Amino acid sequence: MTERVSSRGKAILALSALVIIWGYNWVVMKVAVQYSSPFDYAALRVLLGGISLFLVLVWLRKPPLPKEVSGTSLAGFLQTSGFYGLSTLALVSGGAGKTAVLNYAMPFWVVLLAWFVLGEQLQKVQLFGVAIALTGLLFILMPFSLAEGLFSKGLALLSSMSWAIGIIVSKKLQQKGNLDLLSFTTWQMLFGSIPLILLAVFIPSPPITWSVPFISAMIYSVILGNAVAWLLCFYALGRLPVGMAGLGMLGAPVVGVLTAWIQLGEKPTLPETIGIMLIISALVLNSTQAMKPMTRCRS
């Protein structure tokens, strides 16, 4: 009994560290795009992150070759190319905190897509949560000026939608057979890095400014944000109920908003604050009711 409590306590600490790492990573990403084009940074981060996860895969002596190559590639295009590419592009002109919150609207697109694509029944509580989230989105997207930051907010929403569609693809793959989560994540990052590399190569942009802040951001994103964070994620998921872990990860956008406010001076307006609170409340409501869907870690 004592060992079980101790194990759960360590898992909660791992989850807490994970939330802090991934929440603060939005601030790190915002800093990085001041010294690099969004696609250069996204391509480097994803490629090096995939390589770091591959090294972890080898270290853990798991089968290195991918399974379901076509499905993994599609998931990589959606959850890696689409998510990282669009979210990083959104950070060029958008705030780190708001971008984090809008990206974490993903569960509601998953709920709606699961309803349309997978035929899953929606509970009344889930519908209520979706309504609250959509109200929150309206507060964030259109505070009083339709033009103010609407482009970056739209990109963040597209990023969350791409992430959600990728989750539906991942769920379909899981229904076909057991997938090793680490191997699947590693290969979807490596496959997903290819479109980002092509965009970085063929879209003209100023060269990367290899400054201390940019190099520090790369080290944080690749080492802490990928290799260390994924080990913490697997450790927490292996020792905590899925619902508890999923609910805990909702702390990441909260950390993103707070650290962006403290470090970058991104103080939300009153309507944006209301919108953020509504979305986070809806996320909590959705997570406490929907324990069965696959929990996907994401920074």
C-alpha atoms as a PDB file:
ATOM      1  CA  MET A   1       0.000   0.000   0.000  1.00  0.00           C
ATOM      2  CA  THR A   2       2.796   2.410   0.922  1.00  0.00           C
ATOM      3  CA  GLU A   3       4.654   1.597  -2.298  1.00  0.00           C
ATOM      4  CA  ARG A   4       1.491   2.284  -4.311  1.00  0.00           C
ATOM      5  CA  VAL A   5       1.007   5.674  -2.626  1.00  0.00           C
ATOM      6  CA  SER A   6       4.693   6.484  -3.133  1.00  0.00           C
ATOM      7  CA  SER A   7       4.470   5.514  -6.816  1.00  0.00           C
ATOM      8  CA  ARG A   8       1.385   7.683  -7.327  1.00  0.00           C
ATOM      9  CA  GLY A   9       3.075  10.583  -5.537  1.00  0.00           C
ATOM     10  CA  LYS A  10       6.075  10.354  -7.861  1.00  0.00           C
ATOM     11  CA  ALA A  11       3.730  10.165 -10.854  1.00  0.00           C
ATOM     12  CA  ILE A  12       1.932  13.330  -9.708  1.00  0.00           C
ATOM     13  CA  LEU A  13       5.301  15.092  -9.372  1.00  0.00           C
ATOM     14  CA  ALA A  14       6.223  13.910 -12.880  1.00  0.00           C
ATOM     15  CA  LEU A  15       2.903  15.202 -14.206  1.00  0.00           C
ATOM     16  CA  SER A  16       3.423  18.547 -12.461  1.00  0.00           C
ATOM     17  CA  ALA A  17       6.908  18.888 -13.991  1.00  0.00           C
ATOM     18  CA  LEU A  18       5.474  17.973 -17.395  1.00  0.00           C
ATOM     19  CA  VAL A  19       2.778  20.652 -17.147  1.00  0.00           C
ATOM     20  CA  ILE A  20       5.357  23.304 -16.212  1.00  0.00           C
ATOM     21  CA  ILE A  21       7.736  22.275 -19.023  1.00  0.00           C
ATOM     22  CA  TRP A  22       5.063  22.254 -21.713  1.00  0.00           C
ATOM     23  CA  GLY A  23       3.250  25.318 -20.403  1.00  0.00           C
ATOM     24  CA  TYR A  24       6.417  27.427 -20.358  1.00  0.00           C
ATOM     25  CA  ASN A  25       7.392  26.050 -23.768  1.00  0.00           C
ATOM     26  CA  TRP A  26       4.880  28.443 -25.380  1.00  0.00           C
ATOM     27  CA  VAL A  27       6.907  31.363 -24.032  1.00  0.00           C
ATOM     28  CA  VAL A  28      10.104  29.700 -25.277  1.00  0.00           C
ATOM     29  CA  MET A  29       8.569  29.312 -28.739  1.00  0.00           C
ATOM     30  CA  LYS A  30       7.534  32.980 -28.759  1.00  0.00           C
ATOM     31  CA  VAL A  31      11.121  33.973 -27.962  1.00  0.00           C
ATOM     32  CA  ALA A  32      12.530  31.661 -30.658  1.00  0.00           C
ATOM     33  CA  VAL A  33      10.483  33.156 -33.518  1.00  0.00           C
ATOM     34  CA  GLN A  34      12.043  36.560 -32.790  1.00  0.00           C
ATOM     35  CA  TYR A  35      15.354  35.152 -34.096  1.00  0.00           C
ATOM     36  CA  SER A  36      14.170  32.745 -36.776  1.00  0.00           C
ATOM     37  CA  SER A  37      11.420  32.281 -39.327  1.00  0.00           C
ATOM     38  CA  PRO A  38       8.597  30.131 -37.917  1.00  0.00           C
ATOM     39  CA  PHE A  39       9.203  27.314 -40.385  1.00  0.00           C
ATOM     40  CA  ASP A  40      12.969  27.245 -39.791  1.00  0.00           C
ATOM     41  CA  TYR A  41      12.389  26.962 -36.053  1.00  0.00           C
ATOM     42  CA  ALA A  42       9.537  24.448 -36.367  1.00  0.00           C
ATOM     43  CA  ALA A  43      11.525  22.241 -38.779  1.00  0.00           C
ATOM     44  CA  LEU A  44      14.612  22.252 -36.551  1.00  0.00           C
ATOM     45  CA  ARG A  45      12.620  21.637 -33.393  1.00  0.00           C
ATOM     46  CA  VAL A  46      10.583  18.762 -34.819  1.00  0.00           C
ATOM     47  CA  LEU A  47      13.484  17.063 -36.615  1.00  0.00           C
ATOM     48  CA  LEU A  48      15.815  17.250 -33.611  1.00  0.00           C
ATOM     49  CA  GLY A  49      12.925  16.281 -31.336  1.00  0.00           C
ATOM     50  CA  GLY A  50      12.197  13.219 -33.461  1.00  0.00           C
ATOM     51  CA  ILE A  51      15.866  12.231 -33.402  1.00  0.00           C
ATOM     52  CA  SER A  52      15.973  12.648 -29.608  1.00  0.00           C
ATOM     53  CA  LEU A  53      12.891  10.433 -29.232  1.00  0.00           C
ATOM     54  CA  PHE A  54      14.447   7.874 -31.571  1.00  0.00           C
ATOM     55  CA  LEU A  55      17.497   7.751 -29.296  1.00  0.00           C
ATOM     56  CA  VAL A  56      15.160   7.207 -26.336  1.00  0.00           C
ATOM     57  CA  LEU A  57      13.480   4.426 -28.337  1.00  0.00           C
ATOM     58  CA  VAL A  58      16.842   2.725 -28.867  1.00  0.00           C
ATOM     59  CA  TRP A  59      17.860   3.301 -25.240  1.00  0.00           C
ATOM     60  CA  LEU A  60      14.669   1.590 -24.043  1.00  0.00           C
ATOM     61  CA  ARG A  61      15.339  -1.264 -26.516  1.00  0.00           C
ATOM     62  CA  LYS A  62      12.003  -0.906 -28.267  1.00  0.00           C
ATOM     63  CA  PRO A  63      11.562  -1.979 -31.928  1.00  0.00           C
ATOM     64  CA  PRO A  64      12.983   0.941 -33.949  1.00  0.00           C
ATOM     65  CA  LEU A  65      11.044   0.449 -37.189  1.00  0.00           C
ATOM     66  CA  PRO A  66       7.599   2.070 -37.604  1.00  0.00           C
ATOM     67  CA  LYS A  67       4.311   0.215 -37.944  1.00  0.00           C
ATOM     68  CA  GLU A  68       1.391   1.387 -40.095  1.00  0.00           C
ATOM     69  CA  VAL A  69       3.655   3.659 -42.141  1.00  0.00           C
ATOM     70  CA  SER A  70       0.887   5.289 -44.202  1.00  0.00           C
ATOM     71  CA  GLY A  71      -1.314   5.994 -41.173  1.00  0.00           C
ATOM     72  CA  THR A  72       1.637   7.186 -39.094  1.00  0.00           C
ATOM     73  CA  SER A  73       2.670   9.519 -41.924  1.00  0.00           C
ATOM     74  CA  LEU A  74      -0.840  10.978 -42.117  1.00  0.00           C
ATOM     75  CA  ALA A  75      -0.946  11.457 -38.346  1.00  0.00           C
ATOM     76  CA  GLY A  76       2.506  13.069 -38.548  1.00  0.00           C
ATOM     77  CA  PHE A  77       1.332  15.485 -41.227  1.00  0.00           C
ATOM     78  CA  LEU A  78      -1.639  16.511 -39.084  1.00  0.00           C
ATOM     79  CA  GLN A  79      -0.279  16.347 -35.528  1.00  0.00           C
ATOM     80  CA  THR A  80       3.272  17.442 -36.301  1.00  0.00           C
ATOM     81  CA  SER A  81       3.434  19.412 -39.560  1.00  0.00           C
ATOM     82  CA  GLY A  82       0.025  21.033 -39.098  1.00  0.00           C
ATOM     83  CA  PHE A  83       0.163  21.527 -35.348  1.00  0.00           C
ATOM     84  CA  TYR A  84       3.739  22.775 -34.986  1.00  0.00           C
ATOM     85  CA  GLY A  85       3.760  24.687 -38.274  1.00  0.00           C
ATOM     86  CA  LEU A  86       0.510  26.587 -37.672  1.00  0.00           C
ATOM     87  CA  SER A  87       1.033  27.171 -33.942  1.00  0.00           C
ATOM     88  CA  THR A  88       4.575  28.484 -34.481  1.00  0.00           C
ATOM     89  CA  LEU A  89       3.350  30.749 -37.290  1.00  0.00           C
ATOM     90  CA  ALA A  90       0.591  32.020 -34.969  1.00  0.00           C
ATOM     91  CA  LEU A  91       3.216  33.011 -32.393  1.00  0.00           C
ATOM     92  CA  VAL A  92       4.931  35.410 -34.805  1.00  0.00           C
ATOM     93  CA  SER A  93       2.219  38.032 -34.263  1.00  0.00           C
ATOM     94  CA  GLY A  94       0.090  36.410 -31.551  1.00  0.00           C
ATOM     95  CA  GLY A  95       0.518  36.172 -27.809  1.00  0.00           C
ATOM     96  CA  ALA A  96       2.000  33.033 -26.294  1.00  0.00           C
ATOM     97  CA  GLY A  97      -0.732  32.685 -23.656  1.00  0.00           C
ATOM     98  CA  LYS A  98      -3.685  33.080 -26.000  1.00  0.00           C
ATOM     99  CA  THR A  99      -2.082  30.773 -28.570  1.00  0.00           C
ATOM    100  CA  ALA A 100      -1.624  28.092 -25.907  1.00  0.00           C
ATOM    101  CA  VAL A 101      -5.259  28.322 -24.768  1.00  0.00           C
ATOM    102  CA  LEU A 102      -6.646  28.288 -28.315  1.00  0.00           C
ATOM    103  CA  ASN A 103      -4.552  25.237 -29.162  1.00  0.00           C
ATOM    104  CA  TYR A 104      -5.928  23.455 -26.113  1.00  0.00           C
ATOM    105  CA  ALA A 105      -9.431  23.872 -27.532  1.00  0.00           C
ATOM    106  CA  MET A 106      -8.482  20.639 -29.336  1.00  0.00           C
ATOM    107  CA  PRO A 107     -10.628  18.311 -27.139  1.00  0.00           C
ATOM    108  CA  PHE A 108     -13.807  19.970 -28.385  1.00  0.00           C
ATOM    109  CA  TRP A 109     -12.937  19.450 -32.030  1.00  0.00           C
ATOM    110  CA  VAL A 110     -12.172  15.825 -31.091  1.00  0.00           C
ATOM    111  CA  VAL A 111     -15.603  15.476 -29.464  1.00  0.00           C
ATOM    112  CA  LEU A 112     -17.346  16.884 -32.544  1.00  0.00           C
ATOM    113  CA  LEU A 113     -15.252  14.871 -35.014  1.00  0.00           C
ATOM    114  CA  ALA A 114     -15.781  11.665 -33.010  1.00  0.00           C
ATOM    115  CA  TRP A 115     -19.506  12.352 -33.248  1.00  0.00           C
ATOM    116  CA  PHE A 116     -19.434  12.866 -37.048  1.00  0.00           C
ATOM    117  CA  VAL A 117     -16.654  10.475 -38.093  1.00  0.00           C
ATOM    118  CA  LEU A 118     -16.685   7.689 -35.480  1.00  0.00           C
ATOM    119  CA  GLY A 119     -20.384   7.815 -34.609  1.00  0.00           C
ATOM    120  CA  GLU A 120     -19.694   8.249 -30.886  1.00  0.00           C
ATOM    121  CA  GLN A 121     -22.662   9.420 -28.844  1.00  0.00           C
ATOM    122  CA  LEU A 122     -22.399  12.822 -27.188  1.00  0.00           C
ATOM    123  CA  GLN A 123     -23.488  13.198 -23.584  1.00  0.00           C
ATOM    124  CA  LYS A 124     -25.440  16.266 -22.517  1.00  0.00           C
ATOM    125  CA  VAL A 125     -22.516  17.333 -20.330  1.00  0.00           C
ATOM    126  CA  GLN A 126     -20.193  17.194 -23.351  1.00  0.00           C
ATOM    127  CA  LEU A 127     -22.587  19.317 -25.409  1.00  0.00           C
ATOM    128  CA  PHE A 128     -22.759  21.801 -22.542  1.00  0.00           C
ATOM    129  CA  GLY A 129     -18.948  21.860 -22.396  1.00  0.00           C
ATOM    130  CA  VAL A 130     -18.713  22.497 -26.144  1.00  0.00           C
ATOM    131  CA  ALA A 131     -21.192  25.391 -25.822  1.00  0.00           C
ATOM    132  CA  ILE A 132     -19.132  26.926 -22.995  1.00  0.00           C
ATOM    133  CA  ALA A 133     -15.916  26.520 -25.000  1.00  0.00           C
ATOM    134  CA  LEU A 134     -17.399  28.104 -28.118  1.00  0.00           C
ATOM    135  CA  THR A 135     -18.600  31.045 -26.023  1.00  0.00           C
ATOM    136  CA  GLY A 136     -15.083  31.392 -24.651  1.00  0.00           C
ATOM    137  CA  LEU A 137     -13.650  31.318 -28.172  1.00  0.00           C
ATOM    138  CA  LEU A 138     -15.932  34.164 -29.199  1.00  0.00           C
ATOM    139  CA  PHE A 139     -14.686  36.257 -26.252  1.00  0.00           C
ATOM    140  CA  ILE A 140     -11.049  35.620 -27.250  1.00  0.00           C
ATOM    141  CA  LEU A 141     -11.446  35.956 -31.010  1.00  0.00           C
ATOM    142  CA  MET A 142     -13.551  39.101 -31.055  1.00  0.00           C
ATOM    143  CA  PRO A 143     -13.056  41.152 -27.877  1.00  0.00           C
ATOM    144  CA  PHE A 144     -14.137  44.471 -29.385  1.00  0.00           C
ATOM    145  CA  SER A 145     -12.128  44.685 -32.613  1.00  0.00           C
ATOM    146  CA  LEU A 146     -12.669  42.131 -35.353  1.00  0.00           C
ATOM    147  CA  ALA A 147      -9.233  42.805 -36.805  1.00  0.00           C
ATOM    148  CA  GLU A 148      -7.123  42.779 -33.638  1.00  0.00           C
ATOM    149  CA  GLY A 149      -4.902  39.711 -33.749  1.00  0.00           C
ATOM    150  CA  LEU A 150      -7.571  37.748 -35.613  1.00  0.00           C
ATOM    151  CA  PHE A 151      -5.082  36.223 -38.082  1.00  0.00           C
ATOM    152  CA  SER A 152      -2.846  34.719 -35.388  1.00  0.00           C
ATOM    153  CA  LYS A 153      -5.859  33.509 -33.399  1.00  0.00           C
ATOM    154  CA  GLY A 154      -7.261  31.883 -36.541  1.00  0.00           C
ATOM    155  CA  LEU A 155      -3.958  30.092 -37.117  1.00  0.00           C
ATOM    156  CA  ALA A 156      -3.996  28.828 -33.522  1.00  0.00           C
ATOM    157  CA  LEU A 157      -7.502  27.467 -33.997  1.00  0.00           C
ATOM    158  CA  LEU A 158      -6.497  25.777 -37.268  1.00  0.00           C
ATOM    159  CA  SER A 159      -3.556  24.283 -35.389  1.00  0.00           C
ATOM    160  CA  SER A 160      -5.884  22.833 -32.742  1.00  0.00           C
ATOM    161  CA  MET A 161      -8.160  21.460 -35.479  1.00  0.00           C
ATOM    162  CA  SER A 162      -5.216  19.801 -37.227  1.00  0.00           C
ATOM    163  CA  TRP A 163      -4.197  18.271 -33.899  1.00  0.00           C
ATOM    164  CA  ALA A 164      -7.770  17.020 -33.348  1.00  0.00           C
ATOM    165  CA  ILE A 165      -8.041  15.406 -36.788  1.00  0.00           C
ATOM    166  CA  GLY A 166      -4.685  13.745 -36.157  1.00  0.00           C
ATOM    167  CA  ILE A 167      -6.047  12.284 -32.928  1.00  0.00           C
ATOM    168  CA  ILE A 168      -9.003  10.796 -34.807  1.00  0.00           C
ATOM    169  CA  VAL A 169      -6.544   9.227 -37.277  1.00  0.00           C
ATOM    170  CA  SER A 170      -4.488   7.905 -34.346  1.00  0.00           C
ATOM    171  CA  LYS A 171      -7.587   6.455 -32.739  1.00  0.00           C
ATOM    172  CA  LYS A 172      -8.496   4.651 -35.972  1.00  0.00           C
ATOM    173  CA  LEU A 173      -4.971   3.206 -36.095  1.00  0.00           C
ATOM    174  CA  GLN A 174      -5.256   2.009 -32.503  1.00  0.00           C
ATOM    175  CA  GLN A 175      -8.495   0.251 -33.348  1.00  0.00           C
ATOM    176  CA  LYS A 176      -6.615  -1.806 -35.943  1.00  0.00           C
ATOM    177  CA  GLY A 177      -4.068  -3.080 -33.435  1.00  0.00           C
ATOM    178  CA  ASN A 178      -1.826  -2.160 -30.534  1.00  0.00           C
ATOM    179  CA  LEU A 179       0.601   0.663 -31.253  1.00  0.00           C
ATOM    180  CA  ASP A 180       3.601   1.459 -29.094  1.00  0.00           C
ATOM    181  CA  LEU A 181       2.988   5.105 -28.158  1.00  0.00           C
ATOM    182  CA  LEU A 182       6.664   6.076 -28.041  1.00  0.00           C
ATOM    183  CA  SER A 183       7.447   4.475 -31.426  1.00  0.00           C
ATOM    184  CA  PHE A 184       4.328   6.000 -32.974  1.00  0.00           C
ATOM    185  CA  THR A 185       5.144   9.478 -31.623  1.00  0.00           C
ATOM    186  CA  THR A 186       8.781   9.219 -32.718  1.00  0.00           C
ATOM    187  CA  TRP A 187       7.943   8.293 -36.293  1.00  0.00           C
ATOM    188  CA  GLN A 188       5.076  10.719 -36.678  1.00  0.00           C
ATOM    189  CA  MET A 189       7.501  13.492 -35.656  1.00  0.00           C
ATOM    190  CA  LEU A 190      10.137  12.288 -38.104  1.00  0.00           C
ATOM    191  CA  PHE A 191       7.591  11.938 -40.938  1.00  0.00           C
ATOM    192  CA  GLY A 192       5.968  15.234 -39.954  1.00  0.00           C
ATOM    193  CA  SER A 193       9.288  17.061 -40.077  1.00  0.00           C
ATOM    194  CA  ILE A 194       9.544  16.513 -43.852  1.00  0.00           C
ATOM    195  CA  PRO A 195       6.863  19.071 -44.933  1.00  0.00           C
ATOM    196  CA  LEU A 196       8.267  21.583 -42.419  1.00  0.00           C
ATOM    197  CA  ILE A 197      11.785  21.129 -43.811  1.00  0.00           C
ATOM    198  CA  LEU A 198      10.468  21.655 -47.354  1.00  0.00           C
ATOM    199  CA  LEU A 199       8.648  24.830 -46.273  1.00  0.00           C
ATOM    200  CA  ALA A 200      11.797  26.090 -44.540  1.00  0.00           C
ATOM    201  CA  VAL A 201      13.882  25.431 -47.653  1.00  0.00           C
ATOM    202  CA  PHE A 202      11.549  26.825 -50.310  1.00  0.00           C
ATOM    203  CA  ILE A 203       9.918  29.789 -48.540  1.00  0.00           C
ATOM    204  CA  PRO A 204      12.342  32.749 -48.587  1.00  0.00           C
ATOM    205  CA  SER A 205      13.170  34.054 -45.120  1.00  0.00           C
ATOM    206  CA  PRO A 206      15.990  35.864 -43.322  1.00  0.00           C
ATOM    207  CA  PRO A 207      18.740  33.602 -41.959  1.00  0.00           C
ATOM    208  CA  ILE A 208      18.518  32.342 -38.391  1.00  0.00           C
ATOM    209  CA  THR A 209      20.145  34.606 -35.829  1.00  0.00           C
ATOM    210  CA  TRP A 210      22.167  32.094 -33.806  1.00  0.00           C
ATOM    211  CA  SER A 211      21.988  34.072 -30.592  1.00  0.00           C
ATOM    212  CA  VAL A 212      22.068  32.845 -26.994  1.00  0.00           C
ATOM    213  CA  PRO A 213      18.262  33.224 -26.627  1.00  0.00           C
ATOM    214  CA  PHE A 214      17.595  31.213 -29.813  1.00  0.00           C
ATOM    215  CA  ILE A 215      20.078  28.443 -28.966  1.00  0.00           C
ATOM    216  CA  SER A 216      18.669  28.284 -25.435  1.00  0.00           C
ATOM    217  CA  ALA A 217      15.146  28.027 -26.858  1.00  0.00           C
ATOM    218  CA  MET A 218      16.212  25.160 -29.148  1.00  0.00           C
ATOM    219  CA  ILE A 219      17.860  23.292 -26.276  1.00  0.00           C
ATOM    220  CA  TYR A 220      14.752  23.763 -24.126  1.00  0.00           C
ATOM    221  CA  SER A 221      12.340  22.680 -26.874  1.00  0.00           C
ATOM    222  CA  VAL A 222      14.326  19.640 -27.980  1.00  0.00           C
ATOM    223  CA  ILE A 223      15.762  18.319 -24.703  1.00  0.00           C
ATOM    224  CA  LEU A 224      13.190  19.384 -22.103  1.00  0.00           C
ATOM    225  CA  GLY A 225      10.155  19.846 -24.355  1.00  0.00           C
ATOM    226  CA  ASN A 226      10.607  16.538 -26.176  1.00  0.00           C
ATOM    227  CA  ALA A 227      12.919  13.896 -24.697  1.00  0.00           C
ATOM    228  CA  VAL A 228      12.520  14.682 -20.977  1.00  0.00           C
ATOM    229  CA  ALA A 229       8.856  15.661 -21.235  1.00  0.00           C
ATOM    230  CA  TRP A 230       7.876  12.487 -23.081  1.00  0.00           C
ATOM    231  CA  LEU A 231       9.621  10.324 -20.490  1.00  0.00           C
ATOM    232  CA  LEU A 232       7.681  12.186 -17.780  1.00  0.00           C
ATOM    233  CA  CYS A 233       4.497  11.742 -19.810  1.00  0.00           C
ATOM    234  CA  PHE A 234       4.919   7.967 -20.152  1.00  0.00           C
ATOM    235  CA  TYR A 235       5.866   7.659 -16.483  1.00  0.00           C
ATOM    236  CA  ALA A 236       2.755   9.596 -15.364  1.00  0.00           C
ATOM    237  CA  LEU A 237       0.380   7.791 -17.749  1.00  0.00           C
ATOM    238  CA  GLY A 238       1.724   4.437 -16.603  1.00  0.00           C
ATOM    239  CA  ARG A 239       0.947   5.123 -12.933  1.00  0.00           C
ATOM    240  CA  LEU A 240      -2.079   7.430 -12.896  1.00  0.00           C
ATOM    241  CA  PRO A 241      -5.661   6.968 -14.117  1.00  0.00           C
ATOM    242  CA  VAL A 242      -6.054   8.337 -17.650  1.00  0.00           C
ATOM    243  CA  GLY A 243      -8.723  10.802 -16.502  1.00  0.00           C
ATOM    244  CA  MET A 244      -6.505  12.196 -13.751  1.00  0.00           C
ATOM    245  CA  ALA A 245      -3.553  12.547 -16.118  1.00  0.00           C
ATOM    246  CA  GLY A 246      -5.673  14.186 -18.809  1.00  0.00           C
ATOM    247  CA  LEU A 247      -7.175  16.614 -16.321  1.00  0.00           C
ATOM    248  CA  GLY A 248      -3.743  17.451 -14.931  1.00  0.00           C
ATOM    249  CA  MET A 249      -2.356  18.278 -18.375  1.00  0.00           C
ATOM    250  CA  LEU A 250      -4.925  21.053 -18.678  1.00  0.00           C
ATOM    251  CA  GLY A 251      -2.608  23.007 -16.396  1.00  0.00           C
ATOM    252  CA  ALA A 252      -0.280  23.568 -19.368  1.00  0.00           C
ATOM    253  CA  PRO A 253      -2.268  26.422 -20.989  1.00  0.00           C
ATOM    254  CA  VAL A 254      -2.708  28.009 -17.538  1.00  0.00           C
ATOM    255  CA  VAL A 255       1.077  27.955 -17.070  1.00  0.00           C
ATOM    256  CA  GLY A 256       1.422  29.348 -20.593  1.00  0.00           C
ATOM    257  CA  VAL A 257      -0.883  32.291 -19.858  1.00  0.00           C
ATOM    258  CA  LEU A 258       0.740  33.094 -16.501  1.00  0.00           C
ATOM    259  CA  THR A 259       4.358  32.847 -17.695  1.00  0.00           C
ATOM    260  CA  ALA A 260       3.591  34.886 -20.826  1.00  0.00           C
ATOM    261  CA  TRP A 261       2.095  37.552 -18.566  1.00  0.00           C
ATOM    262  CA  ILE A 262       5.093  37.508 -16.199  1.00  0.00           C
ATOM    263  CA  GLN A 263       7.944  37.270 -18.729  1.00  0.00           C
ATOM    264  CA  LEU A 264       6.518  38.837 -21.885  1.00  0.00           C
ATOM    265  CA  GLY A 265       4.070  41.306 -20.369  1.00  0.00           C
ATOM    266  CA  GLU A 266       1.136  39.744 -22.250  1.00  0.00           C
ATOM    267  CA  LYS A 267      -1.640  40.849 -19.914  1.00  0.00           C
ATOM    268  CA  PRO A 268      -4.985  39.543 -21.221  1.00  0.00           C
ATOM    269  CA  THR A 269      -7.804  42.032 -21.716  1.00  0.00           C
ATOM    270  CA  LEU A 270     -10.970  41.541 -19.647  1.00  0.00           C
ATOM    271  CA  PRO A 271     -12.905  39.845 -22.513  1.00  0.00           C
ATOM    272  CA  GLU A 272      -9.894  37.613 -23.253  1.00  0.00           C
ATOM    273  CA  THR A 273      -9.620  36.714 -19.559  1.00  0.00           C
ATOM    274  CA  ILE A 274     -13.306  35.748 -19.516  1.00  0.00           C
ATOM    275  CA  GLY A 275     -12.810  33.692 -22.662  1.00  0.00           C
ATOM    276  CA  ILE A 276      -9.753  31.918 -21.232  1.00  0.00           C
ATOM    277  CA  MET A 277     -11.616  31.118 -18.005  1.00  0.00           C
ATOM    278  CA  LEU A 278     -14.593  29.770 -19.947  1.00  0.00           C
ATOM    279  CA  ILE A 279     -12.411  27.521 -22.115  1.00  0.00           C
ATOM    280  CA  ILE A 280     -10.443  26.175 -19.149  1.00  0.00           C
ATOM    281  CA  SER A 281     -13.691  25.548 -17.240  1.00  0.00           C
ATOM    282  CA  ALA A 282     -15.122  23.699 -20.224  1.00  0.00           C
ATOM    283  CA  LEU A 283     -11.918  21.654 -20.563  1.00  0.00           C
ATOM    284  CA  VAL A 284     -12.159  20.616 -16.920  1.00  0.00           C
ATOM    285  CA  LEU A 285     -15.841  19.724 -17.346  1.00  0.00           C
ATOM    286  CA  ASN A 286     -15.093  17.684 -20.469  1.00  0.00           C
ATOM    287  CA  SER A 287     -12.155  15.853 -18.882  1.00  0.00           C
ATOM    288  CA  THR A 288     -14.040  14.855 -15.742  1.00  0.00           C
ATOM    289  CA  GLN A 289     -16.810  13.331 -17.848  1.00  0.00           C
ATOM    290  CA  ALA A 290     -14.797  11.797 -20.683  1.00  0.00           C
ATOM    291  CA  MET A 291     -12.320   9.387 -19.118  1.00  0.00           C
ATOM    292  CA  LYS A 292     -12.337   6.783 -21.886  1.00  0.00           C
ATOM    293  CA  PRO A 293     -10.948   8.638 -24.963  1.00  0.00           C
ATOM    294  CA  MET A 294      -7.186   8.273 -25.540  1.00  0.00           C
ATOM    295  CA  THR A 295      -5.123  10.821 -23.675  1.00  0.00           C
ATOM    296  CA  ARG A 296      -2.570  12.401 -26.010  1.00  0.00           C
ATOM    297  CA  CYS A 297       0.334  14.358 -24.630  1.00  0.00           C
ATOM    298  CA  ARG A 298       1.159  17.552 -26.429  1.00  0.00           C
ATOM    299  CA  SER A 299       3.196  20.647 -25.740  1.00  0.00           C
END
